[in-house]
Amino acid sequence: MQVREVNGTQLAVVTPASGGFARHSHDEYVISVNVRGRERVRLDRASFEVDLDEVTAYNPGQVQSCTTRTPGGSAFTCVSWYVRPEVVGGLVGGPPPDFSRPVVRAPELRRELLRAARHLGEAGDDTRHLHKARGDTRLVGKSGDGAPHLREARGDTLHLHEPGDDIRRLGEAGGDARRVGEVREAALALVEERLTLLLLRLLDLAAPARRPSEPGPAPGDARIAAVLDRLRADLSRAPSLADLADEAGMSREHLVRSFTRATGCPPYAWHLQARLAEGRRRLRGGQAVAEVAHGLGFADQAHFHRHFTAAYAITPGRYRAVNI
């Protein structure tokens, strides 16, 4: 996973080792396009296919997972943009809305997101960058740290390599630090503008009513709401299904059915993704991986590492390193 910061958001190129993602959620909106491959997505209680000309838009807290298909056994790869609710709220001038359509067919928006990712790479000042290429989309190799080099044909493409051509060439030609900084600043400004326009257009397509988010069960599901409150209140250990059922006054079977109907997954799976999301917050705050794993009730650091990597396609240590 390769991550770039832009105006309080994160843009990432993601290649999950398993080819898909286990159940997980994010604190942010997640806007994604596939560079290579197709997905079968499970989002809360819905399931759907995602093709190469489509854009997905998931709301904060939605529980998501997917399996993927790629031709010839090549690696599935996507570009994902993580946008905090306050950024969206500031853009619309009010409470952040829900995306009511999780997937839209929007080839032009897809191209814009890939273009923004490429320009962001060109503006970077470290080793991994995104560039345009021609030819088939394929895995063409790996860099020294194991990161994929990708090339997408027929339109905009991503090619990860070292280092960024524009700024590198300027440096090799004797450009001073001030000029390099100006070029980088201009490129970043272009990325921010592209992403802002893309988000506004996506809101028009996928959230036309601009309604505030209303996560969680329906108002009448008081017992399930109480179970959710109980699960949110204690992320330090895995829950006991028997205890949850007793507190809710339901059989375990009834609880699992009702909870799954309300949230899209059973209590343990919901709690696991909540613990992983909390783990992300703690890692961003600078806590050590071992400390986070222990504080969230994982059996050991390896157990936390396995679940975190399956959910987010990045190791806890790497995620911590790029966020502090």
C-alpha atoms as a PDB file:
ATOM      1  CA  MET A   1       0.000   0.000   0.000  1.00  0.00           C
ATOM      2  CA  GLN A   2       1.393   3.368  -1.017  1.00  0.00           C
ATOM      3  CA  VAL A   3      -0.092   6.451   0.624  1.00  0.00           C
ATOM      4  CA  ARG A   4       0.012  10.182  -0.144  1.00  0.00           C
ATOM      5  CA  GLU A   5      -1.323  12.991   2.010  1.00  0.00           C
ATOM      6  CA  VAL A   6      -3.287  15.729   0.280  1.00  0.00           C
ATOM      7  CA  ASN A   7      -5.139  18.529   2.047  1.00  0.00           C
ATOM      8  CA  GLY A   8      -6.096  16.483   5.102  1.00  0.00           C
ATOM      9  CA  THR A   9      -7.027  13.386   3.088  1.00  0.00           C
ATOM     10  CA  GLN A  10      -5.113  10.302   1.988  1.00  0.00           C
ATOM     11  CA  LEU A  11      -4.793   8.883  -1.516  1.00  0.00           C
ATOM     12  CA  ALA A  12      -3.484   5.327  -1.710  1.00  0.00           C
ATOM     13  CA  VAL A  13      -2.603   2.658  -4.259  1.00  0.00           C
ATOM     14  CA  VAL A  14      -3.686  -0.634  -2.703  1.00  0.00           C
ATOM     15  CA  THR A  15      -2.748  -4.164  -3.735  1.00  0.00           C
ATOM     16  CA  PRO A  16      -4.056  -6.615  -1.092  1.00  0.00           C
ATOM     17  CA  ALA A  17      -1.844  -9.675  -0.777  1.00  0.00           C
ATOM     18  CA  SER A  18      -4.880 -11.952  -0.498  1.00  0.00           C
ATOM     19  CA  GLY A  19      -6.558 -10.446  -3.554  1.00  0.00           C
ATOM     20  CA  GLY A  20      -9.491  -9.159  -1.498  1.00  0.00           C
ATOM     21  CA  PHE A  21     -10.443  -7.592   1.818  1.00  0.00           C
ATOM     22  CA  ALA A  22     -11.882  -9.142   4.951  1.00  0.00           C
ATOM     23  CA  ARG A  23     -14.717  -7.350   6.776  1.00  0.00           C
ATOM     24  CA  HIS A  24     -13.623  -3.960   7.998  1.00  0.00           C
ATOM     25  CA  SER A  25     -14.729  -0.336   8.239  1.00  0.00           C
ATOM     26  CA  HIS A  26     -13.171   3.109   8.067  1.00  0.00           C
ATOM     27  CA  ASP A  27     -13.695   6.348   9.973  1.00  0.00           C
ATOM     28  CA  GLU A  28     -13.518   8.170   6.653  1.00  0.00           C
ATOM     29  CA  TYR A  29     -15.455   8.157   3.412  1.00  0.00           C
ATOM     30  CA  VAL A  30     -13.722   5.740   1.031  1.00  0.00           C
ATOM     31  CA  ILE A  31     -13.851   6.578  -2.684  1.00  0.00           C
ATOM     32  CA  SER A  32     -12.203   3.992  -4.922  1.00  0.00           C
ATOM     33  CA  VAL A  33     -11.613   2.903  -8.488  1.00  0.00           C
ATOM     34  CA  ASN A  34     -10.157  -0.370  -9.692  1.00  0.00           C
ATOM     35  CA  VAL A  35      -6.973  -0.191 -11.721  1.00  0.00           C
ATOM     36  CA  ARG A  36      -6.856  -3.895 -12.421  1.00  0.00           C
ATOM     37  CA  GLY A  37      -9.592  -6.453 -11.770  1.00  0.00           C
ATOM     38  CA  ARG A  38     -13.215  -6.595 -10.720  1.00  0.00           C
ATOM     39  CA  GLU A  39     -14.804  -6.921  -7.287  1.00  0.00           C
ATOM     40  CA  ARG A  40     -17.708  -8.674  -5.644  1.00  0.00           C
ATOM     41  CA  VAL A  41     -18.465  -6.344  -2.721  1.00  0.00           C
ATOM     42  CA  ARG A  42     -20.430  -6.885   0.471  1.00  0.00           C
ATOM     43  CA  LEU A  43     -21.364  -3.534   2.037  1.00  0.00           C
ATOM     44  CA  ASP A  44     -23.508  -3.718   5.188  1.00  0.00           C
ATOM     45  CA  ARG A  45     -26.562  -5.678   3.967  1.00  0.00           C
ATOM     46  CA  ALA A  46     -26.009  -5.110   0.244  1.00  0.00           C
ATOM     47  CA  SER A  47     -23.840  -6.943  -2.274  1.00  0.00           C
ATOM     48  CA  PHE A  48     -22.878  -5.874  -5.775  1.00  0.00           C
ATOM     49  CA  GLU A  49     -20.272  -6.142  -8.529  1.00  0.00           C
ATOM     50  CA  VAL A  50     -17.800  -3.357  -9.317  1.00  0.00           C
ATOM     51  CA  ASP A  51     -16.415  -3.051 -12.835  1.00  0.00           C
ATOM     52  CA  LEU A  52     -13.505  -1.050 -14.217  1.00  0.00           C
ATOM     53  CA  ASP A  53     -15.609   1.911 -15.368  1.00  0.00           C
ATOM     54  CA  GLU A  54     -17.253   2.410 -11.967  1.00  0.00           C
ATOM     55  CA  VAL A  55     -16.499   4.425  -8.843  1.00  0.00           C
ATOM     56  CA  THR A  56     -17.389   3.227  -5.351  1.00  0.00           C
ATOM     57  CA  ALA A  57     -18.309   5.620  -2.526  1.00  0.00           C
ATOM     58  CA  TYR A  58     -18.669   4.203   0.990  1.00  0.00           C
ATOM     59  CA  ASN A  59     -19.775   6.135   4.055  1.00  0.00           C
ATOM     60  CA  PRO A  60     -17.846   6.232   7.343  1.00  0.00           C
ATOM     61  CA  GLY A  61     -18.571   3.208   9.497  1.00  0.00           C
ATOM     62  CA  GLN A  62     -20.019   1.023   6.769  1.00  0.00           C
ATOM     63  CA  VAL A  63     -18.810  -2.570   7.042  1.00  0.00           C
ATOM     64  CA  GLN A  64     -17.247  -3.701   3.798  1.00  0.00           C
ATOM     65  CA  SER A  65     -15.512  -6.752   2.350  1.00  0.00           C
ATOM     66  CA  CYS A  66     -14.822  -8.043  -1.131  1.00  0.00           C
ATOM     67  CA  THR A  67     -13.494 -10.801  -3.306  1.00  0.00           C
ATOM     68  CA  THR A  68     -11.751  -9.985  -6.579  1.00  0.00           C
ATOM     69  CA  ARG A  69     -11.196 -11.398 -10.046  1.00  0.00           C
ATOM     70  CA  THR A  70      -8.292 -10.548 -12.330  1.00  0.00           C
ATOM     71  CA  PRO A  71      -7.287 -11.975 -15.710  1.00  0.00           C
ATOM     72  CA  GLY A  72      -4.341 -14.311 -15.869  1.00  0.00           C
ATOM     73  CA  GLY A  73      -3.733 -14.380 -12.135  1.00  0.00           C
ATOM     74  CA  SER A  74      -2.392 -10.819 -12.056  1.00  0.00           C
ATOM     75  CA  ALA A  75      -2.625  -8.740  -8.892  1.00  0.00           C
ATOM     76  CA  PHE A  76      -5.821  -6.835  -8.084  1.00  0.00           C
ATOM     77  CA  THR A  77      -5.059  -3.151  -7.527  1.00  0.00           C
ATOM     78  CA  CYS A  78      -7.184  -0.109  -6.751  1.00  0.00           C
ATOM     79  CA  VAL A  79      -6.754   3.570  -5.976  1.00  0.00           C
ATOM     80  CA  SER A  80      -8.603   4.606  -2.812  1.00  0.00           C
ATOM     81  CA  TRP A  81      -9.190   8.097  -1.466  1.00  0.00           C
ATOM     82  CA  TYR A  82      -9.890   8.407   2.272  1.00  0.00           C
ATOM     83  CA  VAL A  83     -11.789  11.600   3.148  1.00  0.00           C
ATOM     84  CA  ARG A  84     -12.646  12.611   6.714  1.00  0.00           C
ATOM     85  CA  PRO A  85     -16.275  13.614   7.389  1.00  0.00           C
ATOM     86  CA  GLU A  86     -15.280  17.130   8.430  1.00  0.00           C
ATOM     87  CA  VAL A  87     -13.662  17.673   5.039  1.00  0.00           C
ATOM     88  CA  VAL A  88     -16.902  16.705   3.277  1.00  0.00           C
ATOM     89  CA  GLY A  89     -18.932  18.807   5.720  1.00  0.00           C
ATOM     90  CA  GLY A  90     -16.754  21.815   4.996  1.00  0.00           C
ATOM     91  CA  LEU A  91     -17.180  21.294   1.276  1.00  0.00           C
ATOM     92  CA  VAL A  92     -21.006  21.134   1.380  1.00  0.00           C
ATOM     93  CA  GLY A  93     -21.344  23.785   4.097  1.00  0.00           C
ATOM     94  CA  GLY A  94     -23.268  21.613   6.547  1.00  0.00           C
ATOM     95  CA  PRO A  95     -23.525  18.126   8.016  1.00  0.00           C
ATOM     96  CA  PRO A  96     -21.678  15.575   5.882  1.00  0.00           C
ATOM     97  CA  PRO A  97     -24.200  13.687   3.735  1.00  0.00           C
ATOM     98  CA  ASP A  98     -24.606   9.990   3.117  1.00  0.00           C
ATOM     99  CA  PHE A  99     -23.773   8.490  -0.226  1.00  0.00           C
ATOM    100  CA  SER A 100     -27.030   6.739  -1.101  1.00  0.00           C
ATOM    101  CA  ARG A 101     -25.491   4.940  -4.101  1.00  0.00           C
ATOM    102  CA  PRO A 102     -22.360   2.968  -3.174  1.00  0.00           C
ATOM    103  CA  VAL A 103     -21.360   2.400  -6.796  1.00  0.00           C
ATOM    104  CA  VAL A 104     -21.853   4.585  -9.876  1.00  0.00           C
ATOM    105  CA  ARG A 105     -20.827   4.075 -13.469  1.00  0.00           C
ATOM    106  CA  ALA A 106     -18.691   7.148 -14.090  1.00  0.00           C
ATOM    107  CA  PRO A 107     -15.724   6.549 -16.431  1.00  0.00           C
ATOM    108  CA  GLU A 108     -14.782  10.226 -16.446  1.00  0.00           C
ATOM    109  CA  LEU A 109     -14.638  10.426 -12.652  1.00  0.00           C
ATOM    110  CA  ARG A 110     -12.555   7.270 -12.632  1.00  0.00           C
ATOM    111  CA  ARG A 111     -10.088   8.878 -15.022  1.00  0.00           C
ATOM    112  CA  GLU A 112      -9.993  12.001 -12.861  1.00  0.00           C
ATOM    113  CA  LEU A 113      -9.113  10.007  -9.738  1.00  0.00           C
ATOM    114  CA  LEU A 114      -6.347   8.141 -11.580  1.00  0.00           C
ATOM    115  CA  ARG A 115      -5.070  11.434 -12.994  1.00  0.00           C
ATOM    116  CA  ALA A 116      -5.027  13.008  -9.539  1.00  0.00           C
ATOM    117  CA  ALA A 117      -3.104  10.022  -8.183  1.00  0.00           C
ATOM    118  CA  ARG A 118      -0.558  10.334 -10.974  1.00  0.00           C
ATOM    119  CA  HIS A 119      -0.075  14.070 -10.454  1.00  0.00           C
ATOM    120  CA  LEU A 120       0.230  13.552  -6.719  1.00  0.00           C
ATOM    121  CA  GLY A 121       3.042  11.100  -7.345  1.00  0.00           C
ATOM    122  CA  GLU A 122       4.801  13.613  -9.551  1.00  0.00           C
ATOM    123  CA  ALA A 123       4.549  16.181  -6.741  1.00  0.00           C
ATOM    124  CA  GLY A 124       6.022  13.852  -4.122  1.00  0.00           C
ATOM    125  CA  ASP A 125       9.427  14.205  -2.571  1.00  0.00           C
ATOM    126  CA  ASP A 126      10.254  10.621  -1.642  1.00  0.00           C
ATOM    127  CA  THR A 127      10.729   7.420  -3.594  1.00  0.00           C
ATOM    128  CA  ARG A 128       7.435   6.069  -4.929  1.00  0.00           C
ATOM    129  CA  HIS A 129       5.482   7.922  -7.581  1.00  0.00           C
ATOM    130  CA  LEU A 130       2.627   7.472 -10.000  1.00  0.00           C
ATOM    131  CA  HIS A 131       3.037   7.993 -13.721  1.00  0.00           C
ATOM    132  CA  LYS A 132       1.146   7.624 -16.942  1.00  0.00           C
ATOM    133  CA  ALA A 133       1.977   4.757 -19.272  1.00  0.00           C
ATOM    134  CA  ARG A 134       0.537   2.947 -22.246  1.00  0.00           C
ATOM    135  CA  GLY A 135      -0.077  -0.733 -22.938  1.00  0.00           C
ATOM    136  CA  ASP A 136      -1.944  -3.427 -21.083  1.00  0.00           C
ATOM    137  CA  THR A 137      -2.732  -3.142 -17.393  1.00  0.00           C
ATOM    138  CA  ARG A 138      -0.421  -5.660 -15.787  1.00  0.00           C
ATOM    139  CA  LEU A 139       1.914  -6.340 -12.916  1.00  0.00           C
ATOM    140  CA  VAL A 140       5.283  -5.666 -14.471  1.00  0.00           C
ATOM    141  CA  GLY A 141       7.594  -6.014 -11.489  1.00  0.00           C
ATOM    142  CA  LYS A 142       8.318  -4.948  -7.946  1.00  0.00           C
ATOM    143  CA  SER A 143      10.473  -2.270  -6.413  1.00  0.00           C
ATOM    144  CA  GLY A 144      13.052  -2.945  -3.764  1.00  0.00           C
ATOM    145  CA  ASP A 145      10.492  -2.731  -0.960  1.00  0.00           C
ATOM    146  CA  GLY A 146       8.093  -5.129  -2.686  1.00  0.00           C
ATOM    147  CA  ALA A 147       5.732  -2.405  -3.945  1.00  0.00           C
ATOM    148  CA  PRO A 148       4.111  -3.203  -7.308  1.00  0.00           C
ATOM    149  CA  HIS A 149       4.840  -1.422 -10.566  1.00  0.00           C
ATOM    150  CA  LEU A 150       1.553  -1.063 -12.396  1.00  0.00           C
ATOM    151  CA  ARG A 151       0.715  -0.060 -15.893  1.00  0.00           C
ATOM    152  CA  GLU A 152      -2.805   0.520 -17.119  1.00  0.00           C
ATOM    153  CA  ALA A 153      -3.592   0.615 -20.797  1.00  0.00           C
ATOM    154  CA  ARG A 154      -6.403   2.214 -22.789  1.00  0.00           C
ATOM    155  CA  GLY A 155      -6.446   5.618 -21.167  1.00  0.00           C
ATOM    156  CA  ASP A 156      -5.002   6.735 -17.868  1.00  0.00           C
ATOM    157  CA  THR A 157      -2.528   4.411 -16.280  1.00  0.00           C
ATOM    158  CA  LEU A 158      -0.521   4.053 -13.162  1.00  0.00           C
ATOM    159  CA  HIS A 159       3.144   3.188 -13.178  1.00  0.00           C
ATOM    160  CA  LEU A 160       4.911   3.186  -9.834  1.00  0.00           C
ATOM    161  CA  HIS A 161       8.623   3.811 -10.077  1.00  0.00           C
ATOM    162  CA  GLU A 162      11.478   5.703  -8.468  1.00  0.00           C
ATOM    163  CA  PRO A 163      11.774   8.705  -8.378  1.00  0.00           C
ATOM    164  CA  GLY A 164       9.378  11.408  -9.704  1.00  0.00           C
ATOM    165  CA  ASP A 165      10.406  12.419 -13.230  1.00  0.00           C
ATOM    166  CA  ASP A 166       9.568  16.138 -13.285  1.00  0.00           C
ATOM    167  CA  ILE A 167      11.176  17.095  -9.999  1.00  0.00           C
ATOM    168  CA  ARG A 168      14.106  14.722 -10.500  1.00  0.00           C
ATOM    169  CA  ARG A 169      14.862  16.115 -13.957  1.00  0.00           C
ATOM    170  CA  LEU A 170      14.651  19.646 -12.626  1.00  0.00           C
ATOM    171  CA  GLY A 171      17.157  18.774  -9.920  1.00  0.00           C
ATOM    172  CA  GLU A 172      19.499  17.045 -12.367  1.00  0.00           C
ATOM    173  CA  ALA A 173      19.358  20.117 -14.617  1.00  0.00           C
ATOM    174  CA  GLY A 174      20.602  22.274 -11.766  1.00  0.00           C
ATOM    175  CA  GLY A 175      17.273  23.726 -10.617  1.00  0.00           C
ATOM    176  CA  ASP A 176      17.539  25.284  -7.187  1.00  0.00           C
ATOM    177  CA  ALA A 177      15.531  24.191  -4.163  1.00  0.00           C
ATOM    178  CA  ARG A 178      13.218  27.172  -4.473  1.00  0.00           C
ATOM    179  CA  ARG A 179      12.260  26.253  -8.044  1.00  0.00           C
ATOM    180  CA  VAL A 180      11.747  22.601  -7.108  1.00  0.00           C
ATOM    181  CA  GLY A 181       9.488  23.729  -4.267  1.00  0.00           C
ATOM    182  CA  GLU A 182       7.448  25.919  -6.617  1.00  0.00           C
ATOM    183  CA  VAL A 183       6.928  23.038  -9.047  1.00  0.00           C
ATOM    184  CA  ARG A 184       5.879  20.727  -6.236  1.00  0.00           C
ATOM    185  CA  GLU A 185       3.506  23.304  -4.746  1.00  0.00           C
ATOM    186  CA  ALA A 186       1.848  23.899  -8.113  1.00  0.00           C
ATOM    187  CA  ALA A 187       1.405  20.177  -8.687  1.00  0.00           C
ATOM    188  CA  LEU A 188      -0.156  19.716  -5.242  1.00  0.00           C
ATOM    189  CA  ALA A 189      -2.527  22.620  -5.851  1.00  0.00           C
ATOM    190  CA  LEU A 190      -3.633  20.965  -9.093  1.00  0.00           C
ATOM    191  CA  VAL A 191      -4.287  17.680  -7.290  1.00  0.00           C
ATOM    192  CA  GLU A 192      -6.345  19.403  -4.584  1.00  0.00           C
ATOM    193  CA  GLU A 193      -8.420  21.200  -7.215  1.00  0.00           C
ATOM    194  CA  ARG A 194      -9.036  17.994  -9.189  1.00  0.00           C
ATOM    195  CA  LEU A 195     -10.042  16.056  -6.090  1.00  0.00           C
ATOM    196  CA  THR A 196     -12.374  18.794  -4.838  1.00  0.00           C
ATOM    197  CA  LEU A 197     -14.182  18.940  -8.183  1.00  0.00           C
ATOM    198  CA  LEU A 198     -14.332  15.149  -8.330  1.00  0.00           C
ATOM    199  CA  LEU A 199     -15.906  14.961  -4.867  1.00  0.00           C
ATOM    200  CA  LEU A 200     -18.527  17.585  -5.717  1.00  0.00           C
ATOM    201  CA  ARG A 201     -19.480  15.731  -8.887  1.00  0.00           C
ATOM    202  CA  LEU A 202     -19.620  12.423  -7.054  1.00  0.00           C
ATOM    203  CA  LEU A 203     -21.880  13.933  -4.379  1.00  0.00           C
ATOM    204  CA  ASP A 204     -24.248  15.088  -7.124  1.00  0.00           C
ATOM    205  CA  LEU A 205     -24.332  11.574  -8.583  1.00  0.00           C
ATOM    206  CA  ALA A 206     -24.349   9.383  -5.473  1.00  0.00           C
ATOM    207  CA  ALA A 207     -25.782  11.622  -2.723  1.00  0.00           C
ATOM    208  CA  PRO A 208     -28.296  13.857  -4.523  1.00  0.00           C
ATOM    209  CA  ALA A 209     -30.480  14.396  -1.457  1.00  0.00           C
ATOM    210  CA  ARG A 210     -27.454  15.507   0.611  1.00  0.00           C
ATOM    211  CA  ARG A 211     -28.922  13.952   3.742  1.00  0.00           C
ATOM    212  CA  PRO A 212     -26.843  13.758   6.933  1.00  0.00           C
ATOM    213  CA  SER A 213     -25.478  10.339   7.806  1.00  0.00           C
ATOM    214  CA  GLU A 214     -27.725   8.207   9.977  1.00  0.00           C
ATOM    215  CA  PRO A 215     -25.675   5.087  10.783  1.00  0.00           C
ATOM    216  CA  GLY A 216     -26.924   2.216  12.871  1.00  0.00           C
ATOM    217  CA  PRO A 217     -30.187   0.351  13.222  1.00  0.00           C
ATOM    218  CA  ALA A 218     -33.659   1.706  12.629  1.00  0.00           C
ATOM    219  CA  PRO A 219     -35.188   3.706  15.515  1.00  0.00           C
ATOM    220  CA  GLY A 220     -37.423   0.774  16.537  1.00  0.00           C
ATOM    221  CA  ASP A 221     -34.490  -1.614  17.056  1.00  0.00           C
ATOM    222  CA  ALA A 222     -33.939  -0.553  20.657  1.00  0.00           C
ATOM    223  CA  ARG A 223     -32.416  -3.842  21.778  1.00  0.00           C
ATOM    224  CA  ILE A 224     -29.945  -3.937  18.914  1.00  0.00           C
ATOM    225  CA  ALA A 225     -29.075  -0.289  19.544  1.00  0.00           C
ATOM    226  CA  ALA A 226     -28.313  -1.227  23.156  1.00  0.00           C
ATOM    227  CA  VAL A 227     -26.080  -4.077  22.009  1.00  0.00           C
ATOM    228  CA  LEU A 228     -24.232  -1.699  19.701  1.00  0.00           C
ATOM    229  CA  ASP A 229     -23.724   0.729  22.589  1.00  0.00           C
ATOM    230  CA  ARG A 230     -22.370  -2.125  24.690  1.00  0.00           C
ATOM    231  CA  LEU A 231     -19.956  -3.201  21.954  1.00  0.00           C
ATOM    232  CA  ARG A 232     -18.743   0.355  21.345  1.00  0.00           C
ATOM    233  CA  ALA A 233     -18.175   0.889  25.055  1.00  0.00           C
ATOM    234  CA  ASP A 234     -15.635  -1.927  25.419  1.00  0.00           C
ATOM    235  CA  LEU A 235     -13.124  -2.506  22.643  1.00  0.00           C
ATOM    236  CA  SER A 236     -10.586  -4.075  24.982  1.00  0.00           C
ATOM    237  CA  ARG A 237     -11.635  -7.679  24.417  1.00  0.00           C
ATOM    238  CA  ALA A 238     -13.783  -9.888  22.226  1.00  0.00           C
ATOM    239  CA  PRO A 239     -17.432  -9.995  23.346  1.00  0.00           C
ATOM    240  CA  SER A 240     -19.224 -13.008  24.767  1.00  0.00           C
ATOM    241  CA  LEU A 241     -22.242 -13.799  22.618  1.00  0.00           C
ATOM    242  CA  ALA A 242     -24.004 -15.409  25.595  1.00  0.00           C
ATOM    243  CA  ASP A 243     -23.531 -12.252  27.708  1.00  0.00           C
ATOM    244  CA  LEU A 244     -24.768 -10.000  24.900  1.00  0.00           C
ATOM    245  CA  ALA A 245     -27.860 -12.164  24.386  1.00  0.00           C
ATOM    246  CA  ASP A 246     -28.640 -12.243  28.122  1.00  0.00           C
ATOM    247  CA  GLU A 247     -28.341  -8.469  28.411  1.00  0.00           C
ATOM    248  CA  ALA A 248     -30.594  -7.984  25.382  1.00  0.00           C
ATOM    249  CA  GLY A 249     -33.164 -10.499  26.616  1.00  0.00           C
ATOM    250  CA  MET A 250     -32.844 -12.544  23.421  1.00  0.00           C
ATOM    251  CA  SER A 251     -31.655 -15.994  22.483  1.00  0.00           C
ATOM    252  CA  ARG A 252     -28.229 -16.100  20.891  1.00  0.00           C
ATOM    253  CA  GLU A 253     -29.739 -17.184  17.578  1.00  0.00           C
ATOM    254  CA  HIS A 254     -32.289 -14.349  17.632  1.00  0.00           C
ATOM    255  CA  LEU A 255     -29.577 -11.847  18.517  1.00  0.00           C
ATOM    256  CA  VAL A 256     -27.339 -12.953  15.659  1.00  0.00           C
ATOM    257  CA  ARG A 257     -30.194 -12.831  13.145  1.00  0.00           C
ATOM    258  CA  SER A 258     -31.489  -9.448  14.325  1.00  0.00           C
ATOM    259  CA  PHE A 259     -28.048  -7.889  14.650  1.00  0.00           C
ATOM    260  CA  THR A 260     -26.998  -9.084  11.198  1.00  0.00           C
ATOM    261  CA  ARG A 261     -30.231  -7.796   9.675  1.00  0.00           C
ATOM    262  CA  ALA A 262     -29.615  -4.364  11.263  1.00  0.00           C
ATOM    263  CA  THR A 263     -25.883  -3.965  10.610  1.00  0.00           C
ATOM    264  CA  GLY A 264     -24.918  -6.367   7.843  1.00  0.00           C
ATOM    265  CA  CYS A 265     -22.727  -8.670   9.938  1.00  0.00           C
ATOM    266  CA  PRO A 266     -22.946 -10.633  13.220  1.00  0.00           C
ATOM    267  CA  PRO A 267     -21.858  -9.151  16.577  1.00  0.00           C
ATOM    268  CA  TYR A 268     -18.375 -10.647  16.761  1.00  0.00           C
ATOM    269  CA  ALA A 269     -17.478  -9.588  13.201  1.00  0.00           C
ATOM    270  CA  TRP A 270     -18.884  -6.090  13.827  1.00  0.00           C
ATOM    271  CA  HIS A 271     -16.872  -5.781  17.041  1.00  0.00           C
ATOM    272  CA  LEU A 272     -13.704  -7.028  15.339  1.00  0.00           C
ATOM    273  CA  GLN A 273     -13.896  -4.352  12.646  1.00  0.00           C
ATOM    274  CA  ALA A 274     -14.605  -1.727  15.350  1.00  0.00           C
ATOM    275  CA  ARG A 275     -11.479  -2.844  17.221  1.00  0.00           C
ATOM    276  CA  LEU A 276      -9.460  -2.665  14.015  1.00  0.00           C
ATOM    277  CA  ALA A 277     -10.789   0.833  13.274  1.00  0.00           C
ATOM    278  CA  GLU A 278      -9.829   1.880  16.802  1.00  0.00           C
ATOM    279  CA  GLY A 279      -6.434   0.319  16.180  1.00  0.00           C
ATOM    280  CA  ARG A 280      -5.996   2.632  13.187  1.00  0.00           C
ATOM    281  CA  ARG A 281      -6.806   5.648  15.353  1.00  0.00           C
ATOM    282  CA  ARG A 282      -4.318   4.583  18.033  1.00  0.00           C
ATOM    283  CA  LEU A 283      -1.582   3.877  15.500  1.00  0.00           C
ATOM    284  CA  ARG A 284      -2.135   7.324  13.977  1.00  0.00           C
ATOM    285  CA  GLY A 285      -1.747   8.702  17.493  1.00  0.00           C
ATOM    286  CA  GLY A 286       1.711   7.137  17.744  1.00  0.00           C
ATOM    287  CA  GLN A 287       1.059   4.134  19.983  1.00  0.00           C
ATOM    288  CA  ALA A 288       3.339   1.142  19.447  1.00  0.00           C
ATOM    289  CA  VAL A 289       1.892  -1.808  17.544  1.00  0.00           C
ATOM    290  CA  ALA A 290       2.338  -4.168  20.495  1.00  0.00           C
ATOM    291  CA  GLU A 291       0.623  -1.684  22.819  1.00  0.00           C
ATOM    292  CA  VAL A 292      -2.342  -1.321  20.465  1.00  0.00           C
ATOM    293  CA  ALA A 293      -2.683  -5.085  20.043  1.00  0.00           C
ATOM    294  CA  HIS A 294      -2.688  -5.630  23.806  1.00  0.00           C
ATOM    295  CA  GLY A 295      -5.048  -2.738  24.529  1.00  0.00           C
ATOM    296  CA  LEU A 296      -7.617  -4.027  22.045  1.00  0.00           C
ATOM    297  CA  GLY A 297      -7.613  -7.567  23.393  1.00  0.00           C
ATOM    298  CA  PHE A 298      -5.850  -9.414  20.605  1.00  0.00           C
ATOM    299  CA  ALA A 299      -4.136 -12.605  21.699  1.00  0.00           C
ATOM    300  CA  ASP A 300      -0.762 -11.273  20.580  1.00  0.00           C
ATOM    301  CA  GLN A 301       0.829  -8.881  18.124  1.00  0.00           C
ATOM    302  CA  ALA A 302       0.793 -11.506  15.356  1.00  0.00           C
ATOM    303  CA  HIS A 303      -2.970 -11.976  15.783  1.00  0.00           C
ATOM    304  CA  PHE A 304      -3.539  -8.224  15.444  1.00  0.00           C
ATOM    305  CA  HIS A 305      -1.128  -8.042  12.492  1.00  0.00           C
ATOM    306  CA  ARG A 306      -3.005 -10.792  10.641  1.00  0.00           C
ATOM    307  CA  HIS A 307      -6.467  -9.242  11.044  1.00  0.00           C
ATOM    308  CA  PHE A 308      -5.266  -5.682  10.358  1.00  0.00           C
ATOM    309  CA  THR A 309      -3.435  -6.654   7.177  1.00  0.00           C
ATOM    310  CA  ALA A 310      -6.394  -8.698   5.909  1.00  0.00           C
ATOM    311  CA  ALA A 311      -8.716  -5.717   6.430  1.00  0.00           C
ATOM    312  CA  TYR A 312      -6.563  -2.838   5.193  1.00  0.00           C
ATOM    313  CA  ALA A 313      -3.883  -4.387   2.902  1.00  0.00           C
ATOM    314  CA  ILE A 314      -1.130  -2.737   4.936  1.00  0.00           C
ATOM    315  CA  THR A 315       0.694  -3.938   8.026  1.00  0.00           C
ATOM    316  CA  PRO A 316       0.110  -2.114  11.328  1.00  0.00           C
ATOM    317  CA  GLY A 317       3.763  -1.082  11.440  1.00  0.00           C
ATOM    318  CA  ARG A 318       3.688   0.381   7.941  1.00  0.00           C
ATOM    319  CA  TYR A 319       0.352   2.128   8.597  1.00  0.00           C
ATOM    320  CA  ARG A 320       1.795   3.698  11.752  1.00  0.00           C
ATOM    321  CA  ALA A 321       4.934   4.809   9.917  1.00  0.00           C
ATOM    322  CA  VAL A 322       3.052   6.670   7.164  1.00  0.00           C
ATOM    323  CA  ASN A 323       0.654   8.372   9.576  1.00  0.00           C
ATOM    324  CA  ILE A 324       2.933   9.821  12.270  1.00  0.00           C
END
